[in-house]
Amino acid sequence: MASFVDRAPIELKAGDGGDGAVSFHREKYVQKGGPDGGDGGKGGDVVLLADHNLHTLLDFRYKRKHQAANGMQGSSARKSGKGGEDLVIRVPVGTLVKLKDTDAVVADMFEPGQKRVLLQGGRGGWGNAHFATPTRQAPSFAKPGIKTRWHDFVLELRTIADVGLVGYPNAGKSSLLARITAARPKIANYPFTTLTPNLGIASHKGVDFAIADIPGLIEGASEGAGLGFAFLRHVERTRLLLQVVDASGQEGREPKDDLKAIDNELARYGDLAARERIVVANKMDLPESNKHLEAVREAAGGRPVFPVSAATGEGLEAMLDAVTAELAKLPPAAPVQEEPFLEEERLRGWEVSRDTDGAFLVSGNSMDSLLLAVNFDDFESMRWFHRTLRASGVIDRLREMGAQEGDTVRMGDTEFDFVE
């Protein structure tokens, strides 16, 4: 049986754009053919796809780095390079994609079949044919394709279900799930038999709804004790919670205390305390259960309490009636609010600073791309480089920071004198 993995770090990179070509038309009897370098192809995108056949993030435990294909370089005769193939990342439905450094949610793969372009491939660079002018008829330079960067994300799976079963280990949640759905979770008489969320579909009087059995919570779960902390996130999407209590007290604890302890854990974790809840007093087939029932009702504080037996089916009809009636009043689950993540914005921009020796340092992705496009042995290319610096505001910024004629300016590995 495959391991259940519901959180996985992942590194993703869109494809680089292909470089533009430097080429000149060559043809018999044509002495001075013009520039005909083609553009580079666009890099492949990174696309997320919510696949209903996947139920775990196990695949990403063994392979963390994924990269889309790069665009091809342009060629002569104005031929553009081939675009890079998109990389499709298949994830389970309900997967959140978070930025590793900020924990911001940038994508919620909430719907089966949902597609999302997470990272866009770099644009292809212009070939030298684009730079021909009446006064510059043979440009010997072209633009490189936009180079993309690696980004660190975290994939986090949150089960999508209408109803969540929560309670102490051995409260009978798995038995209850098996009784009212076709799910067949592992059931045994020892704590933490259930190590992963189990999902089943219940049908009651023509109403179908999904139920998730969440691994047993214990006191301190919201702070990392037991298994609860790892799986409380799977409760976040549920519309209704069924708090299952072992009414028999056969584990040596008072059922009312179990109910209060789980209440406290839900209150400490997000907004789960405000979630609609129904209390299920399970194991009513055992003789000790009746004497604890009134105390459970008092501890429920006005919430409906249904005495049931997952073993015999006692009380399940009334409980399911209440569940379907409550679900009819509750709004449907909604995706998590996403924060915008624009790869292209992160690639643009530049800044000017002072180096330790007093030289002016011009840095930024746009400047790195500009340097790659320049042929420093070609006079026309250098003139274009200077005009681009002036048009982008770099020259004005250097002047504002006190740059004088002859001061040293560094861009990457290139160093030159400041000239007005």
Protein backbone atom coordinates (compact mmCIF):
# COMPACT_ATOMS: atom_id res chain seq x y z
CA MET A 1 0.00 0.00 0.00
CA ALA A 2 1.41 3.40 -0.98
CA SER A 3 2.32 5.82 1.80
CA PHE A 4 0.04 8.78 2.34
CA VAL A 5 1.85 12.10 1.84
CA ASP A 6 -0.15 15.31 2.17
CA ARG A 7 2.66 17.89 2.20
CA ALA A 8 5.64 18.09 -0.13
CA PRO A 9 8.20 20.76 -1.06
CA ILE A 10 8.74 21.21 -4.78
CA GLU A 11 11.01 23.31 -7.02
CA LEU A 12 9.58 24.49 -10.33
CA LYS A 13 11.01 26.38 -13.29
CA ALA A 14 9.37 27.47 -16.52
CA GLY A 15 11.33 27.11 -19.75
CA ASP A 16 13.77 29.79 -20.87
CA GLY A 17 12.96 31.73 -24.00
CA GLY A 18 15.13 30.91 -27.00
CA ASP A 19 17.73 33.46 -28.14
CA GLY A 20 17.21 35.55 -31.22
CA ALA A 21 19.54 34.79 -34.11
CA VAL A 22 22.21 37.00 -35.71
CA SER A 23 22.13 36.16 -39.38
CA PHE A 24 22.46 37.87 -42.76
CA HIS A 25 20.83 36.89 -46.00
CA ARG A 26 23.11 34.81 -48.21
CA GLU A 27 22.19 34.22 -51.82
CA LYS A 28 24.08 33.86 -55.05
CA TYR A 29 24.51 37.18 -56.91
CA VAL A 30 23.29 39.07 -53.82
CA GLN A 31 26.37 40.81 -52.45
CA LYS A 32 24.93 42.52 -49.37
CA GLY A 33 21.97 40.64 -48.01
CA GLY A 34 20.16 42.27 -45.11
CA PRO A 35 19.77 40.91 -41.57
CA ASP A 36 17.39 37.94 -41.43
CA GLY A 37 17.90 36.48 -37.94
CA GLY A 38 14.69 34.91 -36.59
CA ASP A 39 13.22 35.20 -33.11
CA GLY A 40 13.71 32.64 -30.38
CA GLY A 41 10.84 30.38 -29.33
CA LYS A 42 8.86 30.85 -26.11
CA GLY A 43 9.78 28.65 -23.17
CA GLY A 44 7.28 26.09 -21.91
CA ASP A 45 4.83 26.97 -19.13
CA VAL A 46 4.42 25.08 -15.86
CA VAL A 47 0.76 24.00 -15.74
CA LEU A 48 -1.04 22.47 -12.75
CA LEU A 49 -3.82 19.93 -13.33
CA ALA A 50 -6.18 18.68 -10.60
CA ASP A 51 -6.48 14.93 -11.18
CA HIS A 52 -9.33 13.13 -9.36
CA ASN A 53 -7.44 9.83 -9.71
CA LEU A 54 -4.65 11.02 -7.40
CA HIS A 55 -5.07 10.95 -3.62
CA THR A 56 -1.58 11.58 -2.26
CA LEU A 57 1.51 13.70 -2.95
CA LEU A 58 3.78 10.68 -2.70
CA ASP A 59 5.31 11.18 -6.18
CA PHE A 60 6.77 14.52 -5.15
CA ARG A 61 8.66 12.98 -2.25
CA TYR A 62 11.04 11.27 -4.66
CA LYS A 63 11.30 13.95 -7.34
CA ARG A 64 11.26 17.56 -6.21
CA LYS A 65 12.74 19.50 -9.15
CA HIS A 66 10.63 19.92 -12.28
CA GLN A 67 11.43 22.10 -15.29
CA ALA A 68 9.55 22.91 -18.50
CA ALA A 69 11.35 22.74 -21.84
CA ASN A 70 13.30 25.73 -23.15
CA GLY A 71 12.43 27.50 -26.37
CA MET A 72 14.71 26.93 -29.36
CA GLN A 73 17.00 29.57 -30.84
CA GLY A 74 15.89 31.46 -33.95
CA SER A 75 17.59 30.74 -37.25
CA SER A 76 18.29 32.38 -40.60
CA ALA A 77 15.64 33.42 -43.14
CA ARG A 78 13.63 34.94 -40.27
CA LYS A 79 12.67 31.50 -38.98
CA SER A 80 11.49 31.54 -35.37
CA GLY A 81 12.67 28.88 -32.95
CA LYS A 82 10.29 26.19 -31.78
CA GLY A 83 8.48 26.88 -28.51
CA GLY A 84 9.29 24.72 -25.48
CA GLU A 85 6.78 22.06 -24.44
CA ASP A 86 4.65 22.86 -21.40
CA LEU A 87 5.22 20.88 -18.22
CA VAL A 88 1.95 19.54 -16.77
CA ILE A 89 2.10 18.81 -13.03
CA ARG A 90 -0.75 16.52 -11.94
CA VAL A 91 -1.86 16.97 -8.31
CA PRO A 92 -4.76 15.60 -6.25
CA VAL A 93 -7.96 17.62 -6.11
CA GLY A 94 -7.79 19.91 -3.08
CA THR A 95 -4.07 20.65 -3.34
CA LEU A 96 -2.89 24.09 -2.24
CA VAL A 97 0.26 25.55 -3.78
CA LYS A 98 2.14 27.83 -1.39
CA LEU A 99 5.26 29.94 -1.69
CA LYS A 100 7.83 28.31 0.54
CA ASP A 101 9.32 31.55 1.86
CA THR A 102 6.05 33.36 2.70
CA ASP A 103 3.47 30.54 2.99
CA ALA A 104 1.19 32.57 0.66
CA VAL A 105 -1.37 30.47 -1.25
CA VAL A 106 -0.88 31.11 -4.99
CA ALA A 107 -3.14 28.33 -6.30
CA ASP A 108 -5.96 26.18 -4.93
CA MET A 109 -6.67 23.18 -7.18
CA PHE A 110 -10.21 22.89 -5.92
CA GLU A 111 -12.14 21.47 -8.88
CA PRO A 112 -11.50 18.14 -10.68
CA GLY A 113 -9.94 18.82 -14.07
CA GLN A 114 -8.99 22.37 -13.11
CA LYS A 115 -5.95 23.74 -14.96
CA ARG A 116 -3.74 26.62 -13.86
CA VAL A 117 -0.66 28.14 -15.49
CA LEU A 118 1.54 28.67 -12.45
CA LEU A 119 4.73 29.81 -14.21
CA GLN A 120 4.91 31.27 -17.68
CA GLY A 121 7.76 30.39 -20.00
CA GLY A 122 10.21 33.12 -20.96
CA ARG A 123 9.58 35.10 -24.14
CA GLY A 124 11.84 34.40 -27.07
CA GLY A 125 14.44 37.04 -27.95
CA TRP A 126 14.29 39.12 -31.11
CA GLY A 127 16.55 38.25 -33.98
CA ASN A 128 18.77 40.92 -35.52
CA ALA A 129 16.20 41.53 -38.27
CA HIS A 130 14.23 43.59 -35.73
CA PHE A 131 17.11 46.01 -35.16
CA ALA A 132 17.66 47.12 -38.75
CA THR A 133 17.11 50.85 -39.36
CA PRO A 134 17.96 53.17 -42.27
CA THR A 135 21.15 54.15 -40.44
CA ARG A 136 21.90 50.71 -38.96
CA GLN A 137 21.48 48.33 -41.84
CA ALA A 138 23.63 45.46 -40.58
CA PRO A 139 23.04 45.01 -36.83
CA SER A 140 25.33 42.31 -35.47
CA PHE A 141 23.41 41.73 -32.28
CA ALA A 142 20.14 40.12 -31.19
CA LYS A 143 18.19 39.84 -27.96
CA PRO A 144 18.47 36.75 -25.79
CA GLY A 145 15.36 34.98 -24.62
CA ILE A 146 14.00 35.75 -21.16
CA LYS A 147 15.63 33.46 -18.63
CA THR A 148 13.32 32.13 -15.92
CA ARG A 149 14.21 31.26 -12.35
CA TRP A 150 13.67 28.36 -10.02
CA HIS A 151 10.94 28.87 -7.44
CA ASP A 152 10.37 26.99 -4.20
CA PHE A 153 6.80 25.96 -3.48
CA VAL A 154 5.08 23.69 -0.99
CA LEU A 155 2.20 21.45 -2.07
CA GLU A 156 -0.35 20.87 0.67
CA LEU A 157 -3.27 18.50 0.26
CA ARG A 158 -6.53 19.35 2.02
CA THR A 159 -9.30 16.79 1.71
CA ILE A 160 -12.50 18.12 0.17
CA ALA A 161 -15.51 16.66 1.99
CA ASP A 162 -18.92 17.84 3.14
CA VAL A 163 -18.68 16.18 6.54
CA GLY A 164 -15.66 15.52 8.75
CA LEU A 165 -15.53 12.90 11.51
CA VAL A 166 -13.38 14.04 14.44
CA GLY A 167 -12.77 12.53 17.83
CA TYR A 168 -10.39 10.61 20.03
CA PRO A 169 -8.72 7.42 18.79
CA ASN A 170 -10.98 4.36 19.17
CA ALA A 171 -14.12 6.51 19.26
CA GLY A 172 -15.43 4.44 16.35
CA LYS A 173 -15.08 6.95 13.50
CA SER A 174 -13.78 4.38 11.02
CA SER A 175 -16.57 1.94 11.94
CA LEU A 176 -19.11 4.72 11.46
CA LEU A 177 -17.66 5.62 8.05
CA ALA A 178 -17.74 1.97 6.97
CA ARG A 179 -21.33 1.62 8.16
CA ILE A 180 -22.80 4.55 6.22
CA THR A 181 -20.58 4.53 3.09
CA ALA A 182 -18.91 2.02 0.82
CA ALA A 183 -15.49 2.96 2.21
CA ARG A 184 -13.53 0.16 3.85
CA PRO A 185 -11.03 1.78 6.21
CA LYS A 186 -8.72 -0.28 8.40
CA ILE A 187 -10.47 -1.03 11.70
CA ALA A 188 -8.80 -2.48 14.79
CA ASN A 189 -9.11 -2.17 18.55
CA TYR A 190 -6.02 -0.07 19.25
CA PRO A 191 -5.33 3.67 19.14
CA PHE A 192 -4.27 5.35 15.89
CA THR A 193 -5.39 2.50 13.67
CA THR A 194 -6.30 5.20 11.16
CA LEU A 195 -3.10 6.88 10.02
CA THR A 196 -4.48 8.73 6.99
CA PRO A 197 -7.74 10.53 6.17
CA ASN A 198 -10.30 8.17 4.66
CA LEU A 199 -13.01 9.41 2.32
CA GLY A 200 -16.39 7.86 1.56
CA ILE A 201 -19.63 8.86 -0.18
CA ALA A 202 -22.85 8.51 1.79
CA SER A 203 -26.31 8.42 0.21
CA HIS A 204 -29.36 9.15 2.32
CA LYS A 205 -32.86 9.68 0.95
CA GLY A 206 -31.56 10.79 -2.43
CA VAL A 207 -28.86 13.11 -1.05
CA ASP A 208 -25.20 12.24 -1.65
CA PHE A 209 -22.41 13.77 0.41
CA ALA A 210 -18.73 13.10 1.05
CA ILE A 211 -17.51 12.13 4.53
CA ALA A 212 -13.86 12.26 5.66
CA ASP A 213 -12.63 10.21 8.61
CA ILE A 214 -9.81 12.28 10.12
CA PRO A 215 -7.15 10.42 12.17
CA GLY A 216 -7.85 10.54 15.90
CA LEU A 217 -7.25 13.81 17.69
CA ILE A 218 -5.97 13.96 21.24
CA GLU A 219 -5.48 16.78 23.72
CA GLY A 220 -2.59 18.92 22.49
CA ALA A 221 -3.13 17.97 18.83
CA SER A 222 -3.20 21.60 17.68
CA GLU A 223 0.28 22.00 19.18
CA GLY A 224 1.67 18.92 17.46
CA ALA A 225 0.80 16.08 19.84
CA GLY A 226 -0.31 12.74 18.43
CA LEU A 227 -1.39 12.71 14.79
CA GLY A 228 -3.92 15.52 15.00
CA PHE A 229 -1.68 18.43 14.04
CA ALA A 230 -0.66 16.74 10.80
CA PHE A 231 -4.25 16.15 9.74
CA LEU A 232 -6.28 19.01 11.18
CA ARG A 233 -5.80 20.80 7.85
CA HIS A 234 -8.07 18.16 6.27
CA VAL A 235 -10.93 19.38 8.45
CA GLU A 236 -10.64 22.96 7.19
CA ARG A 237 -12.69 22.40 4.02
CA THR A 238 -15.52 20.45 5.66
CA ARG A 239 -18.88 22.17 5.96
CA LEU A 240 -20.09 20.16 8.95
CA LEU A 241 -18.23 18.34 11.72
CA LEU A 242 -19.45 15.19 13.46
CA GLN A 243 -17.75 14.93 16.85
CA VAL A 244 -17.72 11.23 17.59
CA VAL A 245 -17.50 10.30 21.29
CA ASP A 246 -17.04 6.85 22.79
CA ALA A 247 -20.04 6.97 25.09
CA SER A 248 -19.05 3.75 26.86
CA GLY A 249 -15.94 5.24 28.50
CA GLN A 250 -14.22 1.87 28.06
CA GLU A 251 -10.88 3.58 27.32
CA GLY A 252 -10.77 4.84 30.91
CA ARG A 253 -11.76 8.42 30.09
CA GLU A 254 -15.00 10.28 30.73
CA PRO A 255 -16.88 10.83 27.40
CA LYS A 256 -17.78 14.39 28.43
CA ASP A 257 -14.09 15.16 28.96
CA ASP A 258 -13.25 13.79 25.51
CA LEU A 259 -15.85 16.09 23.99
CA LYS A 260 -14.47 19.15 25.79
CA ALA A 261 -10.88 18.29 24.87
CA ILE A 262 -11.73 18.07 21.16
CA ASP A 263 -13.66 21.34 21.42
CA ASN A 264 -10.53 22.99 22.78
CA GLU A 265 -8.31 21.59 20.01
CA LEU A 266 -10.68 22.78 17.29
CA ALA A 267 -10.80 26.25 18.87
CA ARG A 268 -7.01 26.49 18.86
CA TYR A 269 -6.71 25.59 15.19
CA GLY A 270 -7.99 28.31 12.86
CA ASP A 271 -11.72 29.02 12.80
CA LEU A 272 -12.88 25.44 13.33
CA ALA A 273 -14.65 26.35 16.57
CA ALA A 274 -17.20 28.28 14.51
CA ARG A 275 -17.90 25.30 12.23
CA GLU A 276 -21.34 23.71 12.50
CA ARG A 277 -21.07 20.59 14.68
CA ILE A 278 -23.19 17.62 15.63
CA VAL A 279 -22.23 15.35 18.52
CA VAL A 280 -22.41 11.60 17.90
CA ALA A 281 -22.43 9.43 21.03
CA ASN A 282 -21.18 6.14 19.62
CA LYS A 283 -21.10 2.57 21.03
CA MET A 284 -24.58 2.79 22.54
CA ASP A 285 -24.81 -0.99 22.18
CA LEU A 286 -22.50 -1.31 25.21
CA PRO A 287 -24.23 -1.34 28.62
CA GLU A 288 -22.00 1.37 30.14
CA SER A 289 -22.99 3.98 27.54
CA ASN A 290 -26.44 4.98 28.85
CA LYS A 291 -25.11 6.25 32.17
CA HIS A 292 -22.77 8.70 30.36
CA LEU A 293 -25.29 10.00 27.83
CA GLU A 294 -26.79 12.80 29.96
CA ALA A 295 -23.33 14.14 30.84
CA VAL A 296 -22.44 14.20 27.14
CA ARG A 297 -25.61 16.20 26.39
CA GLU A 298 -24.67 18.75 29.04
CA ALA A 299 -21.10 19.05 27.72
CA ALA A 300 -22.46 19.56 24.19
CA GLY A 301 -23.84 22.93 25.28
CA GLY A 302 -26.96 22.90 23.13
CA ARG A 303 -25.53 21.14 20.12
CA PRO A 304 -27.62 18.22 18.91
CA VAL A 305 -26.51 14.86 20.32
CA PHE A 306 -27.36 11.59 18.56
CA PRO A 307 -26.86 8.27 20.40
CA VAL A 308 -25.82 5.69 17.82
CA SER A 309 -24.10 2.37 17.41
CA ALA A 310 -21.87 1.89 14.39
CA ALA A 311 -21.80 -1.82 15.22
CA THR A 312 -25.57 -2.40 15.09
CA GLY A 313 -26.83 0.59 13.10
CA GLU A 314 -28.88 1.93 16.02
CA GLY A 315 -29.72 5.65 15.71
CA LEU A 316 -28.01 6.15 12.34
CA GLU A 317 -31.22 7.01 10.49
CA ALA A 318 -31.99 9.98 12.74
CA MET A 319 -28.37 11.12 12.64
CA LEU A 320 -28.29 11.06 8.82
CA ASP A 321 -31.60 12.95 8.69
CA ALA A 322 -29.99 15.71 10.76
CA VAL A 323 -26.82 15.71 8.66
CA THR A 324 -28.66 16.10 5.34
CA ALA A 325 -30.94 18.80 6.79
CA GLU A 326 -27.94 20.74 8.09
CA LEU A 327 -25.99 20.43 4.83
CA ALA A 328 -28.98 21.82 2.92
CA LYS A 329 -28.70 25.03 4.96
CA LEU A 330 -24.92 25.42 4.76
CA PRO A 331 -23.13 27.20 1.87
CA PRO A 332 -20.95 25.06 -0.39
CA ALA A 333 -17.23 24.84 0.29
CA ALA A 334 -15.19 27.54 -1.43
CA PRO A 335 -11.57 27.71 -2.60
CA VAL A 336 -8.97 29.40 -0.42
CA GLN A 337 -8.33 33.08 -1.16
CA GLU A 338 -5.30 33.22 -3.43
CA GLU A 339 -2.56 35.81 -3.62
CA PRO A 340 -1.34 36.93 -7.06
CA PHE A 341 1.94 35.45 -8.23
CA LEU A 342 3.25 36.96 -11.46
CA GLU A 343 6.52 35.44 -12.60
CA GLU A 344 7.12 38.14 -15.19
CA GLU A 345 6.94 40.93 -12.61
CA ARG A 346 9.65 39.19 -10.62
CA LEU A 347 11.91 39.06 -13.66
CA ARG A 348 11.64 42.74 -14.48
CA GLY A 349 13.28 45.67 -12.79
CA TRP A 350 16.69 46.95 -11.83
CA GLU A 351 18.33 48.85 -9.02
CA VAL A 352 21.40 51.03 -8.57
CA SER A 353 23.61 50.77 -5.46
CA ARG A 354 27.15 51.57 -4.37
CA ASP A 355 29.75 48.83 -4.26
CA THR A 356 32.23 48.55 -1.38
CA ASP A 357 34.94 50.35 -3.37
CA GLY A 358 32.65 53.26 -4.28
CA ALA A 359 31.77 52.05 -7.78
CA PHE A 360 28.15 52.18 -8.92
CA LEU A 361 26.48 48.78 -9.20
CA VAL A 362 23.55 48.31 -11.61
CA SER A 363 21.78 44.99 -10.99
CA GLY A 364 18.52 43.25 -11.79
CA ASN A 365 17.14 40.66 -14.15
CA SER A 366 16.36 43.17 -16.89
CA MET A 367 19.98 44.38 -16.84
CA ASP A 368 21.30 40.82 -16.99
CA SER A 369 19.16 40.22 -20.07
CA LEU A 370 20.33 43.49 -21.64
CA LEU A 371 24.01 42.58 -21.22
CA LEU A 372 23.49 39.28 -23.00
CA ALA A 373 22.09 41.15 -26.01
CA VAL A 374 25.06 43.46 -26.49
CA ASN A 375 28.01 42.89 -28.82
CA PHE A 376 30.68 45.04 -27.14
CA ASP A 377 32.91 44.83 -30.21
CA ASP A 378 30.27 46.44 -32.41
CA PHE A 379 29.87 50.25 -32.40
CA GLU A 380 26.16 50.17 -33.36
CA SER A 381 25.44 47.61 -30.66
CA MET A 382 27.12 49.82 -28.06
CA ARG A 383 25.10 52.84 -29.17
CA TRP A 384 21.89 50.80 -28.84
CA PHE A 385 23.03 49.66 -25.37
CA HIS A 386 23.56 53.24 -24.19
CA ARG A 387 20.23 54.40 -25.62
CA THR A 388 18.47 51.54 -23.82
CA LEU A 389 20.09 52.49 -20.51
CA ARG A 390 18.98 56.07 -20.97
CA ALA A 391 15.42 55.12 -21.99
CA SER A 392 15.01 52.78 -19.02
CA GLY A 393 16.04 55.52 -16.57
CA VAL A 394 19.34 53.95 -15.45
CA ILE A 395 21.42 56.95 -16.56
CA ASP A 396 19.14 59.38 -14.72
CA ARG A 397 19.28 57.23 -11.60
CA LEU A 398 23.08 57.11 -11.70
CA ARG A 399 23.15 60.88 -12.01
CA GLU A 400 20.77 61.24 -9.03
CA MET A 401 23.10 59.11 -6.93
CA GLY A 402 26.03 61.38 -7.72
CA ALA A 403 27.73 59.63 -10.64
CA GLN A 404 30.25 61.90 -12.35
CA GLU A 405 32.00 61.67 -15.71
CA GLY A 406 34.56 58.87 -15.54
CA ASP A 407 33.13 57.12 -12.44
CA THR A 408 33.14 53.33 -12.55
CA VAL A 409 29.85 51.54 -13.27
CA ARG A 410 29.52 47.75 -12.94
CA MET A 411 26.87 45.56 -14.51
CA GLY A 412 27.40 41.88 -13.86
CA ASP A 413 30.97 41.09 -14.92
CA THR A 414 31.13 44.17 -17.14
CA GLU A 415 32.75 47.40 -15.98
CA PHE A 416 32.77 50.75 -17.80
CA ASP A 417 33.14 54.50 -17.20
CA PHE A 418 30.12 56.70 -16.70
CA VAL A 419 29.64 59.02 -19.69
CA GLU A 420 27.02 61.77 -19.88
